[in-house]
Every structure is written in structure tokens, then in C-alpha cells.
Protein backbone atom coordinates (compact mmCIF):
# COMPACT_ATOMS: atom_id res chain seq x y z
CA UNK A 1 174.40 66.52 148.00
CA UNK A 2 171.39 67.44 149.89
CA UNK A 3 170.18 65.46 153.13
CA UNK A 4 167.65 63.29 151.36
CA UNK A 5 170.36 62.63 148.46
CA UNK A 6 173.01 61.33 151.66
CA UNK A 7 170.35 59.29 152.99
CA UNK A 8 169.14 57.45 150.18
CA UNK A 9 172.86 56.60 149.61
CA UNK A 10 173.37 55.60 153.00
CA UNK A 11 170.51 53.37 153.15
CA UNK A 12 171.21 51.60 150.30
CA UNK A 13 174.98 50.97 151.22
CA UNK A 14 173.73 49.49 154.23
CA UNK A 15 171.03 47.39 152.86
CA UNK A 16 174.01 45.17 151.18
CA UNK A 17 175.88 44.25 154.48
CA UNK A 18 172.83 44.50 157.59
CA UNK A 19 169.60 43.54 158.21
CA UNK A 20 166.86 45.62 157.46
CA UNK A 21 166.14 46.43 161.38
CA UNK A 22 170.19 47.49 161.79
CA UNK A 23 169.51 49.62 158.49
CA UNK A 24 166.58 51.63 159.89
CA UNK A 25 168.21 52.46 163.06
CA UNK A 26 171.04 53.92 161.02
CA UNK A 27 169.34 55.89 158.88
CA UNK A 28 167.28 57.33 161.71
CA UNK A 29 170.11 58.09 163.53
CA UNK A 30 171.77 59.98 160.90
CA UNK A 31 168.65 61.40 159.91
CA UNK A 32 168.02 62.89 163.55
CA UNK A 33 171.52 63.85 163.59
CA UNK A 34 171.61 66.24 160.38
CA UNK A 35 167.77 67.48 161.40
CA UNK A 36 169.59 68.03 165.38
CA UNK A 37 172.68 70.18 163.92
CA UNK A 38 170.72 72.42 161.44
CA UNK A 39 168.53 73.23 164.22
CA UNK A 40 171.84 74.43 166.10
CA UNK A 41 172.31 76.61 163.29
CA UNK A 42 174.79 74.80 160.78
CA UNK A 43 174.24 74.52 157.45
CA UNK A 44 172.98 71.60 156.08
CA UNK A 45 176.05 71.15 153.36
CA UNK A 46 178.41 71.94 156.19
CA UNK A 47 176.70 68.96 158.26
CA UNK A 48 176.83 66.34 155.14
CA UNK A 49 180.42 67.57 154.59
CA UNK A 50 181.37 66.56 158.38
CA UNK A 51 179.89 63.20 157.85
CA UNK A 52 181.87 62.20 154.69
CA UNK A 53 180.73 60.13 151.81
CA UNK A 54 177.88 58.03 152.59
CA UNK A 55 179.46 54.70 151.07
CA UNK A 56 182.45 54.83 153.46
CA UNK A 57 180.21 56.06 156.38
CA UNK A 58 178.33 52.50 155.56
CA UNK A 59 181.32 50.72 155.12
CA UNK A 60 182.55 51.73 158.97
CA UNK A 61 179.10 50.81 160.17
CA UNK A 62 178.91 47.37 158.34
CA UNK A 63 182.69 46.46 159.66
CA UNK A 64 181.74 47.90 163.49
CA UNK A 65 178.63 45.73 163.71
CA UNK A 66 180.48 42.56 162.25
CA UNK A 67 183.23 43.04 165.11
CA UNK A 68 180.68 43.77 167.53
CA UNK A 69 178.85 40.34 166.84
CA UNK A 70 175.82 41.85 165.72
CA UNK A 71 173.66 40.25 163.06
CA UNK A 72 174.66 41.19 159.51
CA UNK A 73 173.81 40.08 155.68
CA UNK A 74 171.02 40.84 153.28
CA UNK A 75 167.52 41.21 153.58
CA UNK A 76 165.18 40.38 150.73
CA UNK A 77 162.42 42.04 151.83
CA UNK A 78 164.07 45.34 152.12
CA UNK A 79 166.09 44.61 148.98
CA UNK A 80 162.98 44.60 147.12
CA UNK A 81 161.85 47.70 148.27
CA UNK A 82 165.08 49.64 146.76
CA UNK A 83 165.48 47.39 143.95
CA UNK A 84 163.22 49.56 141.52
CA UNK A 85 166.25 52.21 141.92
CA UNK A 86 169.14 49.83 141.94
CA UNK A 87 170.86 51.61 138.93
CA UNK A 88 169.79 55.07 139.75
CA UNK A 89 172.33 55.75 142.34
CA UNK A 90 174.92 54.94 140.67
CA UNK A 91 177.61 58.16 140.00
CA UNK A 92 178.37 58.76 136.16
CA UNK A 93 181.92 57.31 136.05
CA UNK A 94 180.63 54.57 138.51
CA UNK A 95 179.83 50.70 137.59
CA UNK A 96 177.30 48.77 139.47
CA UNK A 97 178.73 46.11 141.96
CA UNK A 98 178.51 42.49 142.12
CA UNK A 99 177.83 41.20 145.69
CA UNK A 100 180.58 38.36 146.80
CA UNK A 101 179.92 35.77 149.12
CA UNK A 102 182.86 34.94 151.52
CA UNK A 103 182.98 31.56 153.10
CA UNK A 104 185.10 30.44 155.78
CA UNK A 105 188.03 28.41 154.79
CA UNK A 106 186.89 25.26 156.58
CA UNK A 107 183.50 25.25 154.87
CA UNK A 108 185.03 25.61 151.91
CA UNK A 109 187.24 22.75 152.23
CA UNK A 110 184.23 20.60 153.49
CA UNK A 111 182.16 21.19 150.75
CA UNK A 112 185.55 20.27 148.63
CA UNK A 113 186.04 16.86 150.71
CA UNK A 114 182.08 16.02 150.03
CA UNK A 115 182.16 16.59 146.29
CA UNK A 116 185.36 14.69 146.14
CA UNK A 117 183.85 11.44 148.40
CA UNK A 118 180.90 11.88 145.95
CA UNK A 119 182.87 11.46 143.15
CA UNK A 120 184.48 8.10 144.47
CA UNK A 121 181.56 6.69 145.10
CA UNK A 122 179.94 7.35 141.99
CA UNK A 123 182.99 5.76 140.26
CA UNK A 124 182.81 2.45 142.61
CA UNK A 125 179.39 2.46 142.14
CA UNK A 126 179.76 2.04 138.19
CA UNK A 127 182.80 -0.50 138.76
CA UNK A 128 180.54 -2.04 140.72
CA UNK A 129 177.71 -2.30 138.24
CA UNK A 130 179.41 -3.32 135.53
CA UNK A 131 182.03 -5.49 137.02
CA UNK A 132 180.42 -8.85 136.21
CA UNK A 133 180.37 -7.55 132.19
CA UNK A 134 183.87 -6.87 132.65
CA UNK A 135 185.32 -10.22 134.15
CA UNK A 136 183.03 -11.75 131.71
CA UNK A 137 184.79 -10.02 128.76
CA UNK A 138 188.16 -10.59 130.53
CA UNK A 139 187.37 -14.05 130.47
CA UNK A 140 186.57 -14.30 126.93
CA UNK A 141 189.58 -12.32 125.69
CA UNK A 142 191.45 -14.75 127.80
CA UNK A 143 190.09 -17.98 126.34
CA UNK A 144 190.31 -16.81 122.74
CA UNK A 145 194.21 -15.80 123.43
CA UNK A 146 194.36 -19.18 124.96
CA UNK A 147 192.82 -21.14 122.03
CA UNK A 148 194.67 -18.71 119.62
CA UNK A 149 198.29 -20.05 121.20
CA UNK A 150 197.45 -23.54 121.26
CA UNK A 151 196.70 -23.63 117.41
CA UNK A 152 199.94 -22.41 116.43
């Protein structure tokens, strides 16, 4: 892998978890770091090997930003820029990954509560709407039963 491939993989991996400003900042840092190490006399392959897998590096950067309270999340503008080559960066033995949205537990409970309240509200609204019809039918059935009972 050369520098361009490394930077491209790092950039794509960071785009899934950081805003475009932080992606650009981190990419610029690693470009400058690699260039500086090469100027010091190290081979590019040696520098890249020392940095490791760009996807693991990106995961570490994203986690560090989450714990530091930085802004994270995808940026639609940046995502659209790299959308053309999304599948090209996948290795031959690698499958494309789906992005998952993780919601906090309290938010899931709030959403579930709202859904239950709406369903109960709809049920009572329908009952209120059809109550006169249901009561009328019950009265008619009761009268018919009384009349049938007296005729025997």
C-alpha cells in the first residue's frame, strides 16, 4: 500500500464517524506526518507499516473524539463527495458494511411510550366514535331477547 491508498482508506473510514472538518484535520495531520518521516530518511512503506491498518487507526481516532466530547457523525456533503467510489476501496475478501445508528436507552423507551399512548388513544377514539352504534345494537338485541323470552 502506498501513501495515497493509505490516506484514501483513512479518509473513508473517518467519514463514517466524524464531521468533515475533523476528517480533513486528521487526514492533513497524517499526510504531513508521513511526508515529514520520509524527509527524515525513512522509507514510505516503513512509515505506513508503523501506522498500521488505516481503518483501525480511524476507529481509534473516532473513539478518542467521542470520549473527548468532540462533534462526531456523518456529514452529508462529505459523504456525497466520496459516494462515487464507495465500493472500490473494499478489499476483495471484504463485504460492504451497513452503518448502524445506536440510540440511547432512554430515547428508545420514550419512543416506545409515545407509540403505546398513540395506539391507546386511537383505540379509545374509535370506541367513542362507535359507542352510539354499539349501544343501539345492544339495546335492540336486549329487546329482542326479552320479547322472545315472553313469547315462550
